[in-house]
């Protein structure tokens, strides 16, 4: 029977030259696609929610919010 050698995968941080203990960087993307006032407050709620959610996780490093407001012409 053939002998099989398992080679474990290297952590992504090691492949990128980072410390293996480095926290993953996490961001969020928020957007609004209408002029509706409810949607505009939704945009602010999204930014607030995801900022808080990411920052509360001690295993993540917050790297920002990417956001835009797309309004139809």
PDB file of N, CA and C in Angstrom:
ATOM      1  N   UNK A   1       0.842  -1.167   0.000  1.00  0.00           N
ATOM      2  CA  UNK A   1       0.000   0.000   0.000  1.00  0.00           C
ATOM      3  C   UNK A   1       0.894   1.239   0.000  1.00  0.00           C
ATOM      4  N   UNK A   2       0.447   2.297  -0.708  1.00  0.00           N
ATOM      5  CA  UNK A   2       1.225   3.534  -0.828  1.00  0.00           C
ATOM      6  C   UNK A   2       1.232   4.298   0.490  1.00  0.00           C
ATOM      7  N   UNK A   3       2.346   4.948   0.745  1.00  0.00           N
ATOM      8  CA  UNK A   3       2.480   5.765   1.940  1.00  0.00           C
ATOM      9  C   UNK A   3       2.097   7.198   1.589  1.00  0.00           C
ATOM     10  N   UNK A   4       1.151   7.806   2.340  1.00  0.00           N
ATOM     11  CA  UNK A   4       0.679   9.153   2.062  1.00  0.00           C
ATOM     12  C   UNK A   4       1.211  10.110   3.124  1.00  0.00           C
ATOM     13  N   UNK A   5       1.792  11.215   2.673  1.00  0.00           N
ATOM     14  CA  UNK A   5       2.282  12.247   3.585  1.00  0.00           C
ATOM     15  C   UNK A   5       1.385  13.471   3.451  1.00  0.00           C
ATOM     16  N   UNK A   6       0.821  13.906   4.563  1.00  0.00           N
ATOM     17  CA  UNK A   6      -0.046  15.079   4.547  1.00  0.00           C
ATOM     18  C   UNK A   6       0.797  16.306   4.895  1.00  0.00           C
ATOM     19  N   UNK A   7       0.730  17.314   4.035  1.00  0.00           N
ATOM     20  CA  UNK A   7       1.451  18.570   4.271  1.00  0.00           C
ATOM     21  C   UNK A   7       0.408  19.611   4.658  1.00  0.00           C
ATOM     22  N   UNK A   8       0.408  20.079   5.922  1.00  0.00           N
ATOM     23  CA  UNK A   8      -0.618  21.033   6.347  1.00  0.00           C
ATOM     24  C   UNK A   8      -0.465  22.386   5.653  1.00  0.00           C
ATOM     25  N   UNK A   9      -1.596  23.037   5.422  1.00  0.00           N
ATOM     26  CA  UNK A   9      -1.596  24.364   4.805  1.00  0.00           C
ATOM     27  C   UNK A   9      -0.999  25.380   5.765  1.00  0.00           C
ATOM     28  N   UNK A  10      -0.325  26.372   5.211  1.00  0.00           N
ATOM     29  CA  UNK A  10       0.210  27.453   6.029  1.00  0.00           C
ATOM     30  C   UNK A  10      -0.875  28.495   6.251  1.00  0.00           C
ATOM     31  N   UNK A  11      -0.888  29.124   7.426  1.00  0.00           N
ATOM     32  CA  UNK A  11      -1.866  30.189   7.660  1.00  0.00           C
ATOM     33  C   UNK A  11      -1.662  31.337   6.674  1.00  0.00           C
ATOM     34  N   UNK A  12      -2.750  32.010   6.281  1.00  0.00           N
ATOM     35  CA  UNK A  12      -2.692  33.108   5.318  1.00  0.00           C
ATOM     36  C   UNK A  12      -1.738  34.208   5.791  1.00  0.00           C
ATOM     37  N   UNK A  13      -1.733  34.478   7.104  1.00  0.00           N
ATOM     38  CA  UNK A  13      -0.841  35.518   7.614  1.00  0.00           C
ATOM     39  C   UNK A  13       0.615  35.186   7.312  1.00  0.00           C
ATOM     40  N   UNK A  14       0.978  33.935   7.467  1.00  0.00           N
ATOM     41  CA  UNK A  14       2.353  33.511   7.198  1.00  0.00           C
ATOM     42  C   UNK A  14       2.693  33.687   5.725  1.00  0.00           C
ATOM     43  N   UNK A  15       1.740  33.357   4.854  1.00  0.00           N
ATOM     44  CA  UNK A  15       1.977  33.507   3.419  1.00  0.00           C
ATOM     45  C   UNK A  15       2.149  34.969   3.018  1.00  0.00           C
ATOM     46  N   UNK A  16       1.463  35.873   3.754  1.00  0.00           N
ATOM     47  CA  UNK A  16       1.560  37.299   3.462  1.00  0.00           C
ATOM     48  C   UNK A  16       2.702  37.973   4.208  1.00  0.00           C
ATOM     49  N   UNK A  17       3.459  37.215   4.960  1.00  0.00           N
ATOM     50  CA  UNK A  17       4.585  37.773   5.687  1.00  0.00           C
ATOM     51  C   UNK A  17       4.192  38.479   6.979  1.00  0.00           C
ATOM     52  N   UNK A  18       2.988  38.200   7.486  1.00  0.00           N
ATOM     53  CA  UNK A  18       2.533  38.800   8.740  1.00  0.00           C
ATOM     54  C   UNK A  18       2.771  37.824   9.883  1.00  0.00           C
ATOM     55  N   UNK A  19       2.666  38.348  11.093  1.00  0.00           N
ATOM     56  CA  UNK A  19       2.757  37.454  12.240  1.00  0.00           C
ATOM     57  C   UNK A  19       1.560  36.512  12.215  1.00  0.00           C
ATOM     58  N   UNK A  20       1.775  35.287  12.604  1.00  0.00           N
ATOM     59  CA  UNK A  20       0.699  34.302  12.601  1.00  0.00           C
ATOM     60  C   UNK A  20      -0.396  34.711  13.585  1.00  0.00           C
ATOM     61  N   UNK A  21      -0.050  35.486  14.590  1.00  0.00           N
ATOM     62  CA  UNK A  21      -1.030  35.909  15.582  1.00  0.00           C
ATOM     63  C   UNK A  21      -1.778  37.174  15.164  1.00  0.00           C
ATOM     64  N   UNK A  22      -1.487  37.726  13.991  1.00  0.00           N
ATOM     65  CA  UNK A  22      -2.147  38.954  13.537  1.00  0.00           C
ATOM     66  C   UNK A  22      -3.643  38.720  13.372  1.00  0.00           C
ATOM     67  N   UNK A  23      -4.427  39.716  13.760  1.00  0.00           N
ATOM     68  CA  UNK A  23      -5.875  39.630  13.633  1.00  0.00           C
ATOM     69  C   UNK A  23      -6.282  39.913  12.190  1.00  0.00           C
ATOM     70  N   UNK A  24      -7.322  39.234  11.716  1.00  0.00           N
ATOM     71  CA  UNK A  24      -7.804  39.558  10.370  1.00  0.00           C
ATOM     72  C   UNK A  24      -8.392  40.967  10.355  1.00  0.00           C
ATOM     73  N   UNK A  25      -8.125  41.704   9.295  1.00  0.00           N
ATOM     74  CA  UNK A  25      -8.677  43.053   9.144  1.00  0.00           C
ATOM     75  C   UNK A  25     -10.062  42.922   8.523  1.00  0.00           C
ATOM     76  N   UNK A  26     -11.031  43.573   9.135  1.00  0.00           N
ATOM     77  CA  UNK A  26     -12.422  43.446   8.711  1.00  0.00           C
ATOM     78  C   UNK A  26     -12.991  44.827   8.412  1.00  0.00           C
ATOM     79  N   UNK A  27     -13.733  44.925   7.307  1.00  0.00           N
ATOM     80  CA  UNK A  27     -14.401  46.168   6.950  1.00  0.00           C
ATOM     81  C   UNK A  27     -15.825  45.825   6.511  1.00  0.00           C
ATOM     82  N   UNK A  28     -16.622  46.856   6.232  1.00  0.00           N
ATOM     83  CA  UNK A  28     -17.983  46.648   5.741  1.00  0.00           C
ATOM     84  C   UNK A  28     -18.246  47.621   4.599  1.00  0.00           C
ATOM     85  N   UNK A  29     -19.189  47.247   3.752  1.00  0.00           N
ATOM     86  CA  UNK A  29     -19.615  48.107   2.650  1.00  0.00           C
ATOM     87  C   UNK A  29     -21.087  48.437   2.876  1.00  0.00           C
ATOM     88  N   UNK A  30     -21.420  49.725   2.919  1.00  0.00           N
ATOM     89  CA  UNK A  30     -22.794  50.171   3.139  1.00  0.00           C
ATOM     90  C   UNK A  30     -23.222  51.043   1.972  1.00  0.00           C
ATOM     91  N   UNK A  31     -24.513  50.932   1.605  1.00  0.00           N
ATOM     92  CA  UNK A  31     -24.986  51.760   0.494  1.00  0.00           C
ATOM     93  C   UNK A  31     -26.484  51.993   0.583  1.00  0.00           C
ATOM     94  N   UNK A  32     -26.909  53.031  -0.106  1.00  0.00           N
ATOM     95  CA  UNK A  32     -28.316  53.384  -0.256  1.00  0.00           C
ATOM     96  C   UNK A  32     -28.545  53.637  -1.733  1.00  0.00           C
ATOM     97  N   UNK A  33     -29.686  53.188  -2.249  1.00  0.00           N
ATOM     98  CA  UNK A  33     -29.912  53.333  -3.689  1.00  0.00           C
ATOM     99  C   UNK A  33     -31.137  54.175  -4.046  1.00  0.00           C
ATOM    100  N   UNK A  34     -31.752  54.820  -3.060  1.00  0.00           N
ATOM    101  CA  UNK A  34     -32.911  55.659  -3.356  1.00  0.00           C
ATOM    102  C   UNK A  34     -32.831  56.981  -2.609  1.00  0.00           C
ATOM    103  N   UNK A  35     -33.686  57.932  -3.002  1.00  0.00           N
ATOM    104  CA  UNK A  35     -33.792  59.218  -2.323  1.00  0.00           C
ATOM    105  C   UNK A  35     -34.741  59.166  -1.135  1.00  0.00           C
ATOM    106  N   UNK A  36     -35.395  58.053  -0.939  1.00  0.00           N
ATOM    107  CA  UNK A  36     -36.371  57.912   0.133  1.00  0.00           C
ATOM    108  C   UNK A  36     -35.716  58.228   1.478  1.00  0.00           C
ATOM    109  N   UNK A  37     -36.370  59.067   2.293  1.00  0.00           N
ATOM    110  CA  UNK A  37     -35.826  59.471   3.592  1.00  0.00           C
ATOM    111  C   UNK A  37     -35.533  58.270   4.488  1.00  0.00           C
ATOM    112  N   UNK A  38     -36.399  57.251   4.433  1.00  0.00           N
ATOM    113  CA  UNK A  38     -36.165  56.046   5.230  1.00  0.00           C
ATOM    114  C   UNK A  38     -34.859  55.380   4.833  1.00  0.00           C
ATOM    115  N   UNK A  39     -34.554  55.407   3.557  1.00  0.00           N
ATOM    116  CA  UNK A  39     -33.314  54.805   3.078  1.00  0.00           C
ATOM    117  C   UNK A  39     -32.101  55.584   3.568  1.00  0.00           C
ATOM    118  N   UNK A  40     -32.211  56.911   3.635  1.00  0.00           N
ATOM    119  CA  UNK A  40     -31.079  57.709   4.108  1.00  0.00           C
ATOM    120  C   UNK A  40     -30.773  57.413   5.568  1.00  0.00           C
ATOM    121  N   UNK A  41     -31.807  57.239   6.384  1.00  0.00           N
ATOM    122  CA  UNK A  41     -31.547  56.877   7.777  1.00  0.00           C
ATOM    123  C   UNK A  41     -31.035  55.441   7.865  1.00  0.00           C
ATOM    124  N   UNK A  42     -31.436  54.603   6.905  1.00  0.00           N
ATOM    125  CA  UNK A  42     -30.932  53.238   6.847  1.00  0.00           C
ATOM    126  C   UNK A  42     -29.427  53.228   6.600  1.00  0.00           C
ATOM    127  N   UNK A  43     -28.996  54.136   5.747  1.00  0.00           N
ATOM    128  CA  UNK A  43     -27.558  54.255   5.458  1.00  0.00           C
ATOM    129  C   UNK A  43     -26.782  54.545   6.734  1.00  0.00           C
ATOM    130  N   UNK A  44     -27.248  55.525   7.509  1.00  0.00           N
ATOM    131  CA  UNK A  44     -26.586  55.873   8.767  1.00  0.00           C
ATOM    132  C   UNK A  44     -26.636  54.699   9.736  1.00  0.00           C
ATOM    133  N   UNK A  45     -27.761  53.994   9.772  1.00  0.00           N
ATOM    134  CA  UNK A  45     -27.902  52.833  10.651  1.00  0.00           C
ATOM    135  C   UNK A  45     -26.941  51.716  10.245  1.00  0.00           C
ATOM    136  N   UNK A  46     -26.778  51.510   8.942  1.00  0.00           N
ATOM    137  CA  UNK A  46     -25.847  50.478   8.467  1.00  0.00           C
ATOM    138  C   UNK A  46     -24.418  50.781   8.920  1.00  0.00           C
ATOM    139  N   UNK A  47     -23.996  52.024   8.692  1.00  0.00           N
ATOM    140  CA  UNK A  47     -22.630  52.424   9.056  1.00  0.00           C
ATOM    141  C   UNK A  47     -22.417  52.219  10.553  1.00  0.00           C
ATOM    142  N   UNK A  48     -23.370  52.686  11.350  1.00  0.00           N
ATOM    143  CA  UNK A  48     -23.264  52.558  12.806  1.00  0.00           C
ATOM    144  C   UNK A  48     -23.242  51.090  13.235  1.00  0.00           C
ATOM    145  N   UNK A  49     -24.158  50.296  12.686  1.00  0.00           N
ATOM    146  CA  UNK A  49     -24.255  48.883  13.067  1.00  0.00           C
ATOM    147  C   UNK A  49     -22.968  48.122  12.764  1.00  0.00           C
ATOM    148  N   UNK A  50     -22.488  48.244  11.544  1.00  0.00           N
ATOM    149  CA  UNK A  50     -21.317  47.461  11.166  1.00  0.00           C
ATOM    150  C   UNK A  50     -20.038  47.955  11.842  1.00  0.00           C
ATOM    151  N   UNK A  51     -19.941  49.248  12.073  1.00  0.00           N
ATOM    152  CA  UNK A  51     -18.786  49.765  12.813  1.00  0.00           C
ATOM    153  C   UNK A  51     -18.760  49.164  14.212  1.00  0.00           C
ATOM    154  N   UNK A  52     -19.887  49.232  14.913  1.00  0.00           N
ATOM    155  CA  UNK A  52     -19.976  48.674  16.268  1.00  0.00           C
ATOM    156  C   UNK A  52     -19.757  47.164  16.262  1.00  0.00           C
ATOM    157  N   UNK A  53     -20.385  46.470  15.306  1.00  0.00           N
ATOM    158  CA  UNK A  53     -20.284  45.010  15.250  1.00  0.00           C
ATOM    159  C   UNK A  53     -18.833  44.551  15.073  1.00  0.00           C
ATOM    160  N   UNK A  54     -18.128  45.197  14.183  1.00  0.00           N
ATOM    161  CA  UNK A  54     -16.735  44.803  13.923  1.00  0.00           C
ATOM    162  C   UNK A  54     -15.846  45.149  15.114  1.00  0.00           C
ATOM    163  N   UNK A  55     -16.014  46.345  15.657  1.00  0.00           N
ATOM    164  CA  UNK A  55     -15.159  46.777  16.769  1.00  0.00           C
ATOM    165  C   UNK A  55     -15.388  45.976  18.047  1.00  0.00           C
ATOM    166  N   UNK A  56     -16.568  45.403  18.209  1.00  0.00           N
ATOM    167  CA  UNK A  56     -16.859  44.619  19.420  1.00  0.00           C
ATOM    168  C   UNK A  56     -16.243  43.226  19.398  1.00  0.00           C
ATOM    169  N   UNK A  57     -15.803  42.771  18.243  1.00  0.00           N
ATOM    170  CA  UNK A  57     -15.198  41.438  18.157  1.00  0.00           C
ATOM    171  C   UNK A  57     -13.706  41.567  18.440  1.00  0.00           C
ATOM    172  N   UNK A  58     -13.244  41.045  19.575  1.00  0.00           N
ATOM    173  CA  UNK A  58     -11.835  41.199  19.945  1.00  0.00           C
ATOM    174  C   UNK A  58     -10.862  40.444  19.038  1.00  0.00           C
ATOM    175  N   UNK A  59     -11.380  39.563  18.203  1.00  0.00           N
ATOM    176  CA  UNK A  59     -10.504  38.806  17.307  1.00  0.00           C
ATOM    177  C   UNK A  59     -10.341  39.477  15.944  1.00  0.00           C
ATOM    178  N   UNK A  60     -10.987  40.633  15.731  1.00  0.00           N
ATOM    179  CA  UNK A  60     -10.912  41.362  14.470  1.00  0.00           C
ATOM    180  C   UNK A  60     -10.228  42.700  14.651  1.00  0.00           C
ATOM    181  N   UNK A  61      -9.562  43.160  13.616  1.00  0.00           N
ATOM    182  CA  UNK A  61      -9.000  44.512  13.574  1.00  0.00           C
ATOM    183  C   UNK A  61      -9.864  45.327  12.606  1.00  0.00           C
ATOM    184  N   UNK A  62     -10.505  46.366  13.096  1.00  0.00           N
ATOM    185  CA  UNK A  62     -11.389  47.200  12.276  1.00  0.00           C
ATOM    186  C   UNK A  62     -10.561  47.956  11.254  1.00  0.00           C
ATOM    187  N   UNK A  63     -10.926  47.827   9.970  1.00  0.00           N
ATOM    188  CA  UNK A  63     -10.160  48.526   8.939  1.00  0.00           C
ATOM    189  C   UNK A  63     -10.997  49.537   8.166  1.00  0.00           C
ATOM    190  N   UNK A  64     -12.202  49.811   8.647  1.00  0.00           N
ATOM    191  CA  UNK A  64     -12.971  50.897   8.059  1.00  0.00           C
ATOM    192  C   UNK A  64     -14.292  50.484   7.455  1.00  0.00           C
ATOM    193  N   UNK A  65     -15.019  51.520   7.025  1.00  0.00           N
ATOM    194  CA  UNK A  65     -16.300  51.345   6.356  1.00  0.00           C
ATOM    195  C   UNK A  65     -16.163  51.916   4.950  1.00  0.00           C
ATOM    196  N   UNK A  66     -16.538  51.129   3.983  1.00  0.00           N
ATOM    197  CA  UNK A  66     -16.607  51.613   2.609  1.00  0.00           C
ATOM    198  C   UNK A  66     -18.076  51.911   2.348  1.00  0.00           C
ATOM    199  N   UNK A  67     -18.366  53.111   1.891  1.00  0.00           N
ATOM    200  CA  UNK A  67     -19.770  53.483   1.757  1.00  0.00           C
ATOM    201  C   UNK A  67     -19.965  54.443   0.595  1.00  0.00           C
ATOM    202  N   UNK A  68     -21.169  54.375   0.029  1.00  0.00           N
ATOM    203  CA  UNK A  68     -21.549  55.356  -0.973  1.00  0.00           C
ATOM    204  C   UNK A  68     -23.062  55.486  -0.980  1.00  0.00           C
ATOM    205  N   UNK A  69     -23.524  56.604  -1.467  1.00  0.00           N
ATOM    206  CA  UNK A  69     -24.953  56.821  -1.604  1.00  0.00           C
ATOM    207  C   UNK A  69     -25.234  56.917  -3.103  1.00  0.00           C
ATOM    208  N   UNK A  70     -25.925  55.926  -3.647  1.00  0.00           N
ATOM    209  CA  UNK A  70     -26.258  55.904  -5.059  1.00  0.00           C
ATOM    210  C   UNK A  70     -27.673  56.425  -5.193  1.00  0.00           C
ATOM    211  N   UNK A  71     -27.822  57.561  -5.844  1.00  0.00           N
ATOM    212  CA  UNK A  71     -29.148  58.155  -5.998  1.00  0.00           C
ATOM    213  C   UNK A  71     -29.545  58.123  -7.471  1.00  0.00           C
ATOM    214  N   UNK A  72     -30.755  57.646  -7.751  1.00  0.00           N
ATOM    215  CA  UNK A  72     -31.201  57.619  -9.142  1.00  0.00           C
ATOM    216  C   UNK A  72     -31.388  59.022  -9.689  1.00  0.00           C
ATOM    217  N   UNK A  73     -31.157  59.188 -10.974  1.00  0.00           N
ATOM    218  CA  UNK A  73     -31.315  60.509 -11.608  1.00  0.00           C
ATOM    219  C   UNK A  73     -32.736  60.733 -12.050  1.00  0.00           C
TER     220      UNK A  73
END
